[in-house]
Amino acid sequence: MTKKVTITVDGQKIKANEGDNLLVVCKKNNINIPHLCYYERLLPQGRCRLCVVEIEGGRKPVTSCTTTVTDGMVVKTHSKTLLESRKLSMELILANHDRNCTSCVNNLHCKLQNYADSLGVEEQVFGGGHRKEFDLDFSSHSIVRDNNKCILCGRCYNVCNDLQTVYAIGLQGRGHGSYVAPPLKQNMMESNCVNCGQCVIACPTGALYEKRELQPVIDALNSGKHVIAQTAPSIRAALGESFGMKPGTPVTGKMVAALRRLGFTKVFDTDLAADMTIIEEATEFVKRFKAKKNLPMITTCCPAWVKFGEQFFFEQLNHMSSCRSPQAMMASLIKTYYAKKNKINPKDIIVVDIMPCTAKKFEIRRPEFAGEADYVLTTVELAKLIKLFNIDFLDLPDEEFDNPLGKSTGAGDIFGRSGGVMEAALRSAADMLTGKNLQHVDYHAIRGLETCKEAELELAGEKIKIAVVHTLGEARKIMEDIRAGESPYHFIEIMACYGGCIGGGGQPRVDDIDEVLPKRAAALNKEDKSKKIRKSHKNPYALKIYKDFIGEPGGKNAHKLLHTKYTKREHL
């Protein structure tokens, strides 16, 4: 049983669990201590020295992120000595930092900038004219690396190596010559990078950011062509945060209204394609399960996971579903079904995908998807575009998606959170296996932020063991079990990002991830609950597309339009 203790911080008595992290305890009690290198998903490093505190009886200040609480501890967080120490640490951090803030992607949203201001750093004390300068790395389709903004906090490469196990970037060089980069003088494109953007989410400055496509989209909106936006499920659960709304506020209607005011000809819902993904995926799983072939089957909605699998586990990719992601399915339908139905030349259609994910920028450039989606904007980019056009987002009315590609079920909504794809698939697969319209549609065992969740179901007299994992480190464990022939599962969902798409590399950055992500997930669950139809295979709009254009699920035409193949990747 965890022992409760009492500590005193700046004269305030606080209850905590013995052994809790001091920085976290203070934060939970609204005592905010500056910090840059601490990241709640990583082991504390104590690198930046901004979070130093004084502990009664101690000889010198200590970093609160590496200190655990003990009973009776007395702490000072803002003494004269501490303020001077923090200011000195900040001046040293800024000595080799590009301080052209107005051109930085993080301007006005940067912790380093805010702390420098609050600590009274008004001039460059160290460094002078000898600051190191680095060329920007634009090689990746998804992520830009700017070492001129790097403060060597270590968060990015610790996430990449320890949590994602991709090892695309690391600390190179020694001492004063240290810098963050891929190994062997590679650029980002040449590295193992899977474009997941978890390094972007972790970076506290502008050293890593999504590759921006704002200007090409603005040009497209002024081109006179038929410009269509499709929006992923999780966008509606996070976009409001960029406009000061509380995390977990669904903004579906305002998002649609904003896109129309930006000048998009049509605004379609990727959730409908999510429903079609489930129709195809559930059909595929039922066939495999009955034949006892290529099990476990693994979901393939996440392009970062797909690239990870192609790089590290190609020999096991027979276990992956052949279904495209919802983004790729929708782009295919727009350039074929929608274009034909409305007698529009596909070359006159420009498709802009609004996604939570930096890896989607890579996905649309896969050769097998050429000529379909044209651009990807992340949630962060869409917010910037709305602000650039001076649209008052908070005052917008709620508007509906356009038809025929704008109506979805509750199952499509939950794609944006960990466990959502599996839950949606089970709703349909259960009906297909039993031949019944089952009333049970909520699978609570696979919800939440635990990085590996499992459950066992009994359907039509058969036991089905499922797993849901998020983060690629967990995916690696699952795949190594499959490689060794030791996997007990029949059906697996894998998402690269922590929390699924709600924690994607293109979402608004937050400090308190474990507090914000459940609220984003709850927003999607609320959308799901509000729908009259909560099973993908019951979506009448999707079924009409099958009847009028595609044919039967899993059929020849479905495979041509809605499925894909995978590529063995040595380096890229």
Protein backbone atom coordinates (compact mmCIF):
# COMPACT_ATOMS: atom_id res chain seq x y z
CA MET A 1 0.00 0.00 0.00
CA THR A 2 1.31 3.44 -0.97
CA LYS A 3 2.35 5.52 2.02
CA LYS A 4 0.88 9.03 2.25
CA VAL A 5 3.24 11.79 3.34
CA THR A 6 3.04 15.52 4.04
CA ILE A 7 5.49 18.01 2.57
CA THR A 8 5.69 21.79 2.86
CA VAL A 9 6.24 23.83 -0.30
CA ASP A 10 6.61 27.61 0.04
CA GLY A 11 4.76 27.40 3.38
CA GLN A 12 1.90 25.32 1.92
CA LYS A 13 1.16 21.87 3.40
CA ILE A 14 0.70 19.27 0.64
CA LYS A 15 -0.33 15.61 0.79
CA ALA A 16 1.42 13.25 -1.61
CA ASN A 17 2.47 9.65 -2.07
CA GLU A 18 5.94 8.81 -0.80
CA GLY A 19 8.28 8.56 -3.76
CA ASP A 20 6.25 10.80 -6.06
CA ASN A 21 8.12 13.15 -8.36
CA LEU A 22 8.48 16.55 -6.64
CA LEU A 23 8.00 18.59 -9.83
CA VAL A 24 4.80 16.72 -10.63
CA VAL A 25 3.46 17.06 -7.08
CA CYS A 26 4.04 20.81 -7.19
CA LYS A 27 2.36 21.10 -10.59
CA LYS A 28 -0.71 19.20 -9.38
CA ASN A 29 -0.98 21.71 -6.55
CA ASN A 30 -0.70 24.75 -8.84
CA ILE A 31 2.88 25.49 -7.85
CA ASN A 32 4.49 25.95 -11.24
CA ILE A 33 8.23 25.45 -11.47
CA PRO A 34 9.94 26.28 -14.79
CA HIS A 35 11.17 23.22 -16.70
CA LEU A 36 12.24 22.39 -20.24
CA CYS A 37 13.82 18.93 -20.29
CA TYR A 38 11.21 17.15 -18.16
CA TYR A 39 8.63 15.17 -20.16
CA GLU A 40 6.07 13.11 -18.34
CA ARG A 41 6.50 10.04 -20.56
CA LEU A 42 10.29 9.88 -20.05
CA LEU A 43 12.62 9.25 -17.15
CA PRO A 44 13.70 12.61 -15.64
CA GLN A 45 17.05 13.88 -16.94
CA GLY A 46 17.75 17.07 -14.95
CA ARG A 47 19.52 18.64 -17.94
CA CYS A 48 18.10 22.17 -18.20
CA ARG A 49 18.52 23.06 -14.49
CA LEU A 50 15.52 25.40 -14.59
CA CYS A 51 13.50 23.36 -12.11
CA VAL A 52 15.97 23.69 -9.23
CA VAL A 53 14.55 24.01 -5.72
CA GLU A 54 15.97 24.31 -2.21
CA ILE A 55 15.25 21.56 0.32
CA GLU A 56 15.66 22.35 3.99
CA GLY A 57 18.82 20.67 5.27
CA GLY A 58 20.28 20.28 1.81
CA ARG A 59 23.68 21.67 0.87
CA LYS A 60 22.71 23.09 -2.53
CA PRO A 61 19.74 23.42 -4.88
CA VAL A 62 18.53 20.22 -6.57
CA THR A 63 16.50 19.59 -9.70
CA SER A 64 12.91 18.95 -8.68
CA CYS A 65 12.30 16.67 -11.70
CA THR A 66 14.82 14.14 -10.34
CA THR A 67 13.78 14.48 -6.68
CA THR A 68 11.19 12.30 -4.97
CA VAL A 69 9.12 13.42 -1.98
CA THR A 70 9.69 12.17 1.55
CA ASP A 71 7.67 12.80 4.67
CA GLY A 72 8.34 16.16 6.30
CA MET A 73 10.25 17.58 3.33
CA VAL A 74 10.34 21.41 3.34
CA VAL A 75 10.83 22.98 -0.07
CA LYS A 76 11.43 26.50 -1.39
CA THR A 77 10.74 27.04 -5.11
CA HIS A 78 11.33 30.77 -5.65
CA SER A 79 14.07 32.09 -3.35
CA LYS A 80 16.51 34.81 -4.48
CA THR A 81 19.19 32.17 -5.00
CA LEU A 82 16.89 30.03 -7.14
CA LEU A 83 15.75 32.91 -9.31
CA GLU A 84 19.37 33.90 -9.97
CA SER A 85 20.28 30.29 -10.74
CA ARG A 86 17.40 29.91 -13.19
CA LYS A 87 18.21 33.16 -14.92
CA LEU A 88 21.85 32.07 -15.35
CA SER A 89 20.74 28.69 -16.72
CA MET A 90 18.42 30.42 -19.19
CA GLU A 91 21.17 32.79 -20.32
CA LEU A 92 23.45 29.81 -20.95
CA ILE A 93 20.72 27.97 -22.88
CA LEU A 94 20.15 31.05 -25.05
CA ALA A 95 23.86 31.57 -25.71
CA ASN A 96 23.76 29.26 -28.73
CA HIS A 97 20.10 29.70 -29.63
CA ASP A 98 18.67 31.43 -32.71
CA ARG A 99 16.73 34.29 -31.12
CA ASN A 100 14.90 35.40 -34.26
CA CYS A 101 11.63 34.55 -32.58
CA THR A 102 9.25 36.30 -34.97
CA SER A 103 10.16 33.89 -37.80
CA CYS A 104 9.95 30.81 -35.56
CA VAL A 105 7.03 28.38 -35.92
CA ASN A 106 6.67 28.42 -32.13
CA ASN A 107 6.55 32.20 -31.76
CA LEU A 108 4.17 33.18 -28.92
CA HIS A 109 3.67 29.47 -28.11
CA CYS A 110 7.20 28.69 -26.94
CA LYS A 111 8.10 27.66 -23.39
CA LEU A 112 11.67 28.90 -23.86
CA GLN A 113 10.40 32.31 -24.95
CA ASN A 114 7.93 32.51 -22.07
CA TYR A 115 10.48 31.46 -19.45
CA ALA A 116 13.07 33.92 -20.77
CA ASP A 117 10.52 36.69 -20.37
CA SER A 118 9.36 35.63 -16.90
CA LEU A 119 12.96 35.22 -15.66
CA GLY A 120 13.89 38.71 -16.87
CA VAL A 121 16.40 37.66 -19.57
CA GLU A 122 16.52 40.86 -21.64
CA GLU A 123 19.91 40.69 -23.34
CA GLN A 124 22.37 38.12 -24.66
CA VAL A 125 24.98 37.74 -21.95
CA PHE A 126 26.94 34.81 -23.40
CA GLY A 127 27.85 33.69 -26.87
CA GLY A 128 28.49 36.96 -28.64
CA GLY A 129 29.15 36.47 -32.34
CA HIS A 130 30.36 32.88 -32.08
CA ARG A 131 27.03 31.07 -32.21
CA LYS A 132 27.13 27.82 -34.16
CA GLU A 133 24.92 27.81 -37.24
CA PHE A 134 23.30 24.73 -38.81
CA ASP A 135 21.65 24.17 -42.17
CA LEU A 136 17.97 23.29 -41.91
CA ASP A 137 17.06 19.72 -42.84
CA PHE A 138 14.09 19.85 -45.22
CA SER A 139 14.68 16.37 -46.66
CA SER A 140 11.72 14.67 -44.96
CA HIS A 141 8.20 14.81 -46.39
CA SER A 142 6.89 15.36 -42.86
CA ILE A 143 9.33 16.94 -40.41
CA VAL A 144 11.78 19.87 -40.55
CA ARG A 145 14.85 19.80 -38.30
CA ASP A 146 16.32 23.17 -37.26
CA ASN A 147 19.28 22.67 -34.92
CA ASN A 148 19.64 26.44 -34.55
CA LYS A 149 16.62 26.24 -32.22
CA CYS A 150 17.78 23.09 -30.38
CA ILE A 151 18.57 23.42 -26.65
CA LEU A 152 19.87 19.82 -26.25
CA CYS A 153 17.13 18.92 -23.78
CA GLY A 154 17.12 15.35 -25.12
CA ARG A 155 13.36 14.96 -25.22
CA CYS A 156 13.14 14.29 -28.96
CA TYR A 157 15.73 11.54 -29.22
CA ASN A 158 14.69 9.92 -25.95
CA VAL A 159 11.13 9.65 -27.30
CA CYS A 160 12.41 8.35 -30.65
CA ASN A 161 14.77 5.81 -29.12
CA ASP A 162 13.27 4.79 -25.78
CA LEU A 163 9.53 4.96 -26.51
CA GLN A 164 9.29 4.53 -30.27
CA THR A 165 12.42 2.35 -30.72
CA VAL A 166 12.96 3.85 -34.17
CA TYR A 167 16.47 5.27 -33.49
CA ALA A 168 16.19 7.87 -36.25
CA ILE A 169 17.92 10.65 -34.27
CA GLY A 170 20.34 10.88 -31.38
CA LEU A 171 22.98 13.01 -29.71
CA GLN A 172 25.97 13.33 -32.03
CA GLY A 173 29.41 14.79 -31.26
CA ARG A 174 30.87 15.55 -27.86
CA GLY A 175 30.90 18.34 -25.32
CA HIS A 176 30.43 21.81 -26.77
CA GLY A 177 30.20 20.22 -30.23
CA SER A 178 27.15 18.10 -29.39
CA TYR A 179 24.09 18.31 -31.62
CA VAL A 180 20.96 16.27 -32.35
CA ALA A 181 20.78 14.52 -35.74
CA PRO A 182 20.40 11.15 -37.44
CA PRO A 183 23.50 8.93 -37.19
CA LEU A 184 26.25 8.61 -39.81
CA LYS A 185 25.67 12.13 -41.18
CA GLN A 186 22.30 11.08 -42.61
CA ASN A 187 19.48 13.52 -43.20
CA MET A 188 15.95 12.80 -41.97
CA MET A 189 14.88 11.19 -45.24
CA GLU A 190 17.87 8.81 -45.18
CA SER A 191 17.31 7.84 -41.54
CA ASN A 192 14.95 5.27 -40.01
CA CYS A 193 12.40 8.05 -39.37
CA VAL A 194 8.80 6.82 -39.74
CA ASN A 195 7.41 10.40 -39.72
CA CYS A 196 5.29 9.83 -36.59
CA GLY A 197 6.10 13.29 -35.24
CA GLN A 198 6.36 12.24 -31.61
CA CYS A 199 9.68 14.11 -31.57
CA VAL A 200 7.78 17.21 -32.74
CA ILE A 201 5.27 16.85 -29.91
CA ALA A 202 8.13 16.45 -27.40
CA CYS A 203 10.27 19.37 -28.63
CA PRO A 204 9.81 22.44 -26.35
CA THR A 205 11.20 24.85 -28.97
CA GLY A 206 11.00 25.15 -32.76
CA ALA A 207 13.86 22.74 -33.42
CA LEU A 208 11.47 20.14 -34.88
CA TYR A 209 8.21 20.97 -36.60
CA GLU A 210 5.82 19.70 -39.24
CA LYS A 211 6.71 20.50 -42.84
CA ARG A 212 4.30 23.31 -43.69
CA GLU A 213 2.08 23.25 -46.78
CA LEU A 214 0.08 26.41 -46.06
CA GLN A 215 1.15 28.39 -49.12
CA PRO A 216 0.42 25.62 -51.67
CA VAL A 217 -3.04 25.20 -50.12
CA ILE A 218 -3.67 28.97 -50.25
CA ASP A 219 -2.61 28.91 -53.91
CA ALA A 220 -5.00 25.98 -54.53
CA LEU A 221 -7.88 27.86 -52.91
CA ASN A 222 -7.25 30.71 -55.35
CA SER A 223 -6.75 28.48 -58.39
CA GLY A 224 -10.38 28.30 -59.51
CA LYS A 225 -10.27 24.52 -59.23
CA HIS A 226 -12.62 22.24 -57.28
CA VAL A 227 -10.85 22.19 -53.88
CA ILE A 228 -12.08 19.59 -51.39
CA ALA A 229 -11.17 19.17 -47.72
CA GLN A 230 -11.51 15.93 -45.79
CA THR A 231 -11.14 15.98 -42.01
CA ALA A 232 -9.92 13.14 -39.81
CA PRO A 233 -11.89 12.08 -36.68
CA SER A 234 -9.49 13.46 -34.07
CA ILE A 235 -9.24 16.97 -35.56
CA ARG A 236 -12.66 17.86 -34.11
CA ALA A 237 -11.48 16.90 -30.62
CA ALA A 238 -8.31 19.05 -30.58
CA LEU A 239 -8.68 22.01 -32.97
CA GLY A 240 -10.54 24.14 -30.40
CA GLU A 241 -7.48 24.17 -28.12
CA SER A 242 -5.68 26.39 -30.65
CA PHE A 243 -8.41 29.01 -30.08
CA GLY A 244 -8.40 28.90 -26.27
CA MET A 245 -11.17 26.32 -25.87
CA LYS A 246 -10.90 23.70 -23.14
CA PRO A 247 -9.38 20.32 -24.12
CA GLY A 248 -12.10 17.86 -24.98
CA THR A 249 -14.43 20.41 -26.57
CA PRO A 250 -15.83 18.93 -29.81
CA VAL A 251 -15.80 21.54 -32.58
CA THR A 252 -17.07 19.54 -35.56
CA GLY A 253 -19.61 22.13 -36.77
CA LYS A 254 -17.30 25.13 -36.32
CA MET A 255 -14.50 23.26 -38.11
CA VAL A 256 -16.74 22.64 -41.13
CA ALA A 257 -17.88 26.28 -41.13
CA ALA A 258 -14.28 27.51 -40.97
CA LEU A 259 -13.24 25.34 -43.92
CA ARG A 260 -16.10 26.72 -46.01
CA ARG A 261 -15.08 30.30 -45.19
CA LEU A 262 -11.53 29.47 -46.19
CA GLY A 263 -12.91 28.77 -49.66
CA PHE A 264 -13.13 24.99 -49.91
CA THR A 265 -15.71 23.90 -52.49
CA LYS A 266 -16.73 20.85 -50.47
CA VAL A 267 -15.98 19.62 -46.95
CA PHE A 268 -16.13 15.84 -46.57
CA ASP A 269 -15.82 13.71 -43.45
CA THR A 270 -13.00 11.16 -43.31
CA ASP A 271 -15.21 9.36 -40.78
CA LEU A 272 -17.27 8.00 -43.69
CA ALA A 273 -14.09 6.47 -45.11
CA ALA A 274 -13.38 5.14 -41.60
CA ASP A 275 -16.72 3.34 -41.79
CA MET A 276 -15.72 1.88 -45.15
CA THR A 277 -12.34 0.89 -43.70
CA ILE A 278 -14.20 -1.08 -41.05
CA ILE A 279 -16.52 -2.72 -43.58
CA GLU A 280 -13.46 -3.90 -45.50
CA GLU A 281 -11.37 -4.72 -42.44
CA ALA A 282 -14.11 -6.64 -40.62
CA THR A 283 -14.84 -8.58 -43.81
CA GLU A 284 -11.15 -9.38 -44.15
CA PHE A 285 -10.82 -10.44 -40.52
CA VAL A 286 -13.87 -12.72 -40.62
CA LYS A 287 -12.48 -14.46 -43.72
CA ARG A 288 -9.07 -14.93 -42.10
CA PHE A 289 -10.54 -16.06 -38.79
CA LYS A 290 -12.77 -18.68 -40.40
CA ALA A 291 -9.87 -19.94 -42.53
CA LYS A 292 -7.42 -19.73 -39.58
CA LYS A 293 -4.98 -18.04 -41.97
CA ASN A 294 -2.50 -15.15 -41.46
CA LEU A 295 -3.56 -14.58 -37.87
CA PRO A 296 -3.22 -12.37 -35.97
CA MET A 297 -4.50 -9.72 -38.38
CA ILE A 298 -3.17 -6.22 -37.70
CA THR A 299 -4.89 -2.92 -38.51
CA THR A 300 -3.21 -0.58 -41.00
CA CYS A 301 -4.81 2.85 -40.51
CA CYS A 302 -1.59 4.37 -39.15
CA PRO A 303 1.04 5.25 -41.82
CA ALA A 304 3.86 5.59 -39.28
CA TRP A 305 3.17 2.05 -38.02
CA VAL A 306 2.99 0.78 -41.62
CA LYS A 307 6.42 2.26 -42.44
CA PHE A 308 7.81 0.91 -39.16
CA GLY A 309 6.53 -2.55 -40.09
CA GLU A 310 7.99 -2.30 -43.59
CA GLN A 311 11.40 -1.32 -42.19
CA PHE A 312 11.73 -3.69 -39.26
CA PHE A 313 9.27 -6.57 -39.74
CA PHE A 314 8.67 -7.01 -43.46
CA GLU A 315 8.68 -10.82 -43.25
CA GLN A 316 5.72 -10.62 -40.86
CA LEU A 317 3.63 -8.24 -42.97
CA ASN A 318 1.34 -11.01 -44.17
CA HIS A 319 -0.33 -10.34 -40.83
CA MET A 320 -1.19 -6.77 -41.80
CA SER A 321 -4.59 -5.96 -43.22
CA SER A 322 -4.43 -4.91 -46.86
CA CYS A 323 -6.90 -2.06 -46.20
CA ARG A 324 -5.85 1.48 -46.95
CA SER A 325 -6.13 4.09 -44.22
CA PRO A 326 -9.37 6.14 -44.16
CA GLN A 327 -7.45 9.11 -45.57
CA ALA A 328 -6.30 7.10 -48.57
CA MET A 329 -9.74 5.52 -49.08
CA MET A 330 -11.46 8.91 -49.07
CA ALA A 331 -8.94 10.41 -51.51
CA SER A 332 -9.52 7.46 -53.83
CA LEU A 333 -13.30 7.88 -53.64
CA ILE A 334 -13.12 11.63 -54.30
CA LYS A 335 -11.03 11.21 -57.44
CA THR A 336 -13.18 8.30 -58.74
CA TYR A 337 -16.70 8.00 -57.31
CA TYR A 338 -17.31 11.69 -56.57
CA ALA A 339 -15.64 12.89 -59.77
CA LYS A 340 -17.70 10.48 -61.91
CA LYS A 341 -20.96 11.23 -60.08
CA ASN A 342 -20.55 14.97 -60.59
CA LYS A 343 -18.93 14.77 -64.07
CA ILE A 344 -15.75 16.52 -62.94
CA ASN A 345 -12.35 15.75 -64.43
CA PRO A 346 -10.25 14.35 -61.54
CA LYS A 347 -7.40 16.60 -62.72
CA ASP A 348 -9.58 19.59 -61.84
CA ILE A 349 -10.02 18.38 -58.25
CA ILE A 350 -7.52 19.28 -55.51
CA VAL A 351 -7.83 17.20 -52.33
CA VAL A 352 -6.55 18.65 -49.06
CA ASP A 353 -6.48 16.26 -46.12
CA ILE A 354 -6.76 17.75 -42.62
CA MET A 355 -4.96 15.28 -40.39
CA PRO A 356 -3.61 15.01 -36.82
CA CYS A 357 -0.56 13.25 -38.16
CA THR A 358 2.75 14.28 -39.73
CA ALA A 359 3.11 10.77 -41.22
CA LYS A 360 0.08 11.45 -43.43
CA LYS A 361 2.28 13.88 -45.38
CA PHE A 362 4.51 10.92 -46.18
CA GLU A 363 1.59 8.58 -46.87
CA ILE A 364 0.10 10.64 -49.71
CA ARG A 365 3.47 10.50 -51.47
CA ARG A 366 3.64 6.71 -51.49
CA PRO A 367 3.74 5.74 -55.21
CA GLU A 368 0.62 3.55 -54.88
CA PHE A 369 -1.43 6.62 -53.84
CA ALA A 370 -0.09 8.96 -56.54
CA GLY A 371 -2.66 11.28 -58.10
CA GLU A 372 -5.12 11.08 -55.20
CA ALA A 373 -4.64 13.42 -52.22
CA ASP A 374 -2.64 16.56 -53.07
CA TYR A 375 -1.80 18.14 -49.70
CA VAL A 376 -1.96 17.39 -45.99
CA LEU A 377 -2.46 20.05 -43.34
CA THR A 378 -2.07 19.14 -39.68
CA THR A 379 -4.40 20.38 -36.95
CA VAL A 380 -1.79 23.01 -36.07
CA GLU A 381 -1.52 24.14 -39.70
CA LEU A 382 -5.31 24.40 -40.07
CA ALA A 383 -5.47 26.60 -36.95
CA LYS A 384 -2.77 28.86 -38.43
CA LEU A 385 -4.67 29.06 -41.72
CA ILE A 386 -7.90 30.03 -39.96
CA LYS A 387 -6.08 32.75 -38.03
CA LEU A 388 -4.30 33.94 -41.19
CA PHE A 389 -7.69 34.45 -42.86
CA ASN A 390 -8.85 36.37 -39.75
CA ILE A 391 -11.80 34.03 -39.17
CA ASP A 392 -13.40 34.36 -35.73
CA PHE A 393 -13.52 30.64 -34.98
CA LEU A 394 -15.32 30.96 -31.66
CA ASP A 395 -18.16 32.92 -33.22
CA LEU A 396 -18.79 30.50 -36.10
CA PRO A 397 -22.11 28.63 -36.36
CA ASP A 398 -22.20 24.84 -36.49
CA GLU A 399 -22.48 23.57 -40.05
CA GLU A 400 -22.86 20.10 -41.57
CA PHE A 401 -20.48 18.18 -43.84
CA ASP A 402 -21.31 17.98 -47.52
CA ASN A 403 -22.83 14.91 -49.10
CA PRO A 404 -22.43 12.30 -50.50
CA LEU A 405 -19.20 11.80 -48.49
CA GLY A 406 -20.15 13.50 -45.25
CA LYS A 407 -22.29 11.09 -43.24
CA SER A 408 -20.71 8.71 -40.78
CA THR A 409 -21.57 6.48 -37.84
CA GLY A 410 -20.34 6.65 -34.27
CA ALA A 411 -17.84 3.92 -35.13
CA GLY A 412 -16.11 6.32 -37.51
CA ASP A 413 -15.78 8.97 -34.81
CA ILE A 414 -13.80 6.82 -32.39
CA PHE A 415 -11.06 6.03 -34.93
CA GLY A 416 -9.15 8.98 -33.49
CA ARG A 417 -8.34 7.39 -30.14
CA SER A 418 -6.41 4.29 -29.10
CA GLY A 419 -8.72 1.27 -29.23
CA GLY A 420 -11.21 3.02 -31.48
CA VAL A 421 -10.37 1.14 -34.67
CA MET A 422 -10.56 -2.19 -32.85
CA GLU A 423 -13.81 -1.27 -31.13
CA ALA A 424 -15.36 -0.18 -34.42
CA ALA A 425 -14.14 -3.36 -36.14
CA LEU A 426 -15.54 -5.57 -33.38
CA ARG A 427 -18.97 -3.97 -33.67
CA SER A 428 -19.13 -5.09 -37.30
CA ALA A 429 -17.15 -8.35 -37.07
CA ALA A 430 -19.34 -9.54 -34.19
CA ASP A 431 -22.48 -9.06 -36.29
CA MET A 432 -20.86 -10.79 -39.27
CA LEU A 433 -19.71 -13.78 -37.23
CA THR A 434 -22.99 -14.28 -35.37
CA GLY A 435 -25.37 -13.24 -38.13
CA LYS A 436 -27.15 -11.04 -35.59
CA ASN A 437 -27.62 -7.34 -34.94
CA LEU A 438 -25.95 -7.34 -31.52
CA GLN A 439 -26.91 -4.56 -29.12
CA HIS A 440 -23.61 -4.54 -27.21
CA VAL A 441 -21.35 -2.01 -28.98
CA ASP A 442 -19.13 -0.62 -26.20
CA TYR A 443 -15.85 -2.41 -25.48
CA HIS A 444 -14.53 -0.64 -22.39
CA ALA A 445 -11.65 -3.06 -21.79
CA ILE A 446 -9.70 -1.63 -24.73
CA ARG A 447 -10.17 2.04 -23.89
CA GLY A 448 -7.78 4.28 -21.98
CA LEU A 449 -4.09 5.22 -22.15
CA GLU A 450 -2.50 1.96 -21.06
CA THR A 451 -0.07 1.28 -23.90
CA CYS A 452 -1.00 -2.39 -24.23
CA LYS A 453 -4.58 -3.53 -23.63
CA GLU A 454 -6.02 -6.96 -24.28
CA ALA A 455 -9.35 -8.71 -24.06
CA GLU A 456 -10.97 -12.04 -24.91
CA LEU A 457 -14.41 -12.28 -26.51
CA GLU A 458 -16.68 -15.20 -27.24
CA LEU A 459 -18.61 -14.87 -30.51
CA ALA A 460 -20.60 -17.61 -32.24
CA GLY A 461 -19.02 -20.15 -29.93
CA GLU A 462 -15.49 -19.02 -30.80
CA LYS A 463 -13.00 -17.28 -28.53
CA ILE A 464 -11.28 -14.25 -30.04
CA LYS A 465 -8.26 -12.76 -28.28
CA ILE A 466 -7.51 -9.13 -29.16
CA ALA A 467 -4.82 -6.59 -28.35
CA VAL A 468 -4.61 -2.81 -28.70
CA VAL A 469 -1.21 -1.13 -28.52
CA HIS A 470 -0.04 2.42 -29.03
CA THR A 471 3.56 3.68 -29.33
CA LEU A 472 5.97 1.82 -31.59
CA GLY A 473 7.95 0.43 -28.67
CA GLU A 474 4.87 -1.61 -27.76
CA ALA A 475 4.38 -2.48 -31.43
CA ARG A 476 7.92 -3.86 -31.55
CA LYS A 477 7.18 -6.20 -28.62
CA ILE A 478 4.02 -7.46 -30.34
CA MET A 479 5.85 -8.01 -33.63
CA GLU A 480 8.75 -9.81 -31.98
CA ASP A 481 6.25 -12.23 -30.42
CA ILE A 482 4.70 -12.81 -33.84
CA ARG A 483 8.15 -13.36 -35.35
CA ALA A 484 8.89 -15.92 -32.64
CA GLY A 485 5.54 -17.66 -33.23
CA GLU A 486 4.41 -16.82 -29.69
CA SER A 487 1.55 -14.37 -30.25
CA PRO A 488 -1.70 -15.48 -28.58
CA TYR A 489 -3.86 -12.95 -30.44
CA HIS A 490 -6.26 -13.11 -33.37
CA PHE A 491 -6.74 -9.38 -34.02
CA ILE A 492 -4.40 -6.46 -33.13
CA GLU A 493 -4.70 -2.68 -33.41
CA ILE A 494 -1.43 -0.74 -33.63
CA MET A 495 -1.09 3.04 -33.49
CA ALA A 496 2.30 4.77 -33.53
CA CYS A 497 1.35 7.76 -31.41
CA TYR A 498 0.66 7.79 -27.70
CA GLY A 499 -3.11 7.80 -27.27
CA GLY A 500 -3.64 7.17 -30.99
CA CYS A 501 -4.42 10.04 -33.36
CA ILE A 502 -5.52 12.32 -30.51
CA GLY A 503 -1.80 12.41 -29.61
CA GLY A 504 -0.58 12.69 -33.22
CA GLY A 505 2.49 14.64 -34.27
CA GLY A 506 0.35 17.35 -35.88
CA GLN A 507 -1.87 18.05 -32.88
CA PRO A 508 -1.53 21.11 -30.58
CA ARG A 509 1.31 20.59 -28.13
CA VAL A 510 0.47 20.23 -24.46
CA ASP A 511 2.49 19.74 -21.28
CA ASP A 512 0.02 17.63 -19.35
CA ILE A 513 -0.49 14.82 -21.88
CA ASP A 514 -2.06 12.35 -19.47
CA GLU A 515 -4.64 14.96 -18.52
CA VAL A 516 -5.45 16.31 -21.99
CA LEU A 517 -5.54 13.12 -24.07
CA PRO A 518 -8.35 11.46 -22.07
CA LYS A 519 -10.41 14.63 -22.61
CA ARG A 520 -9.83 14.46 -26.36
CA ALA A 521 -10.81 10.78 -26.29
CA ALA A 522 -13.94 11.62 -24.29
CA ALA A 523 -14.92 14.15 -26.96
CA LEU A 524 -14.82 11.42 -29.62
CA ASN A 525 -16.75 9.02 -27.38
CA LYS A 526 -19.37 11.73 -26.94
CA GLU A 527 -19.67 12.11 -30.72
CA ASP A 528 -20.05 8.34 -31.02
CA LYS A 529 -22.76 8.21 -28.34
CA SER A 530 -24.71 11.00 -30.04
CA LYS A 531 -25.10 9.09 -33.33
CA LYS A 532 -28.21 7.05 -34.05
CA ILE A 533 -26.11 4.53 -36.00
CA ARG A 534 -22.98 3.28 -34.25
CA LYS A 535 -21.95 0.42 -36.53
CA SER A 536 -19.99 1.06 -39.72
CA HIS A 537 -21.69 -1.65 -41.77
CA LYS A 538 -25.06 0.02 -41.06
CA ASN A 539 -24.05 3.35 -42.63
CA PRO A 540 -26.62 3.84 -45.45
CA TYR A 541 -24.38 6.32 -47.31
CA ALA A 542 -21.46 3.88 -47.34
CA LEU A 543 -23.75 1.04 -48.42
CA LYS A 544 -25.07 3.14 -51.30
CA ILE A 545 -21.50 3.75 -52.52
CA TYR A 546 -20.94 -0.02 -52.51
CA LYS A 547 -24.21 -0.61 -54.37
CA ASP A 548 -23.74 2.13 -56.99
CA PHE A 549 -19.99 2.03 -57.55
CA ILE A 550 -17.79 -0.47 -55.69
CA GLY A 551 -19.69 -3.72 -55.56
CA GLU A 552 -19.39 -6.17 -52.69
CA PRO A 553 -17.05 -5.56 -49.73
CA GLY A 554 -13.76 -7.38 -50.21
CA GLY A 555 -14.47 -7.81 -53.93
CA LYS A 556 -12.28 -7.10 -56.96
CA ASN A 557 -13.27 -3.45 -57.32
CA ALA A 558 -13.03 -2.88 -53.55
CA HIS A 559 -9.47 -4.19 -53.60
CA LYS A 560 -8.60 -1.86 -56.48
CA LEU A 561 -10.00 1.26 -54.79
CA LEU A 562 -9.73 0.58 -51.05
CA HIS A 563 -6.78 -1.77 -50.51
CA THR A 564 -3.01 -1.57 -50.98
CA LYS A 565 0.30 -3.46 -50.87
CA TYR A 566 3.43 -2.94 -48.80
CA THR A 567 7.07 -2.32 -49.64
CA LYS A 568 10.22 -3.68 -48.04
CA ARG A 569 12.29 -0.71 -46.86
CA GLU A 570 15.98 -0.94 -46.10
CA HIS A 571 16.50 2.69 -45.12
CA LEU A 572 13.55 4.81 -46.26
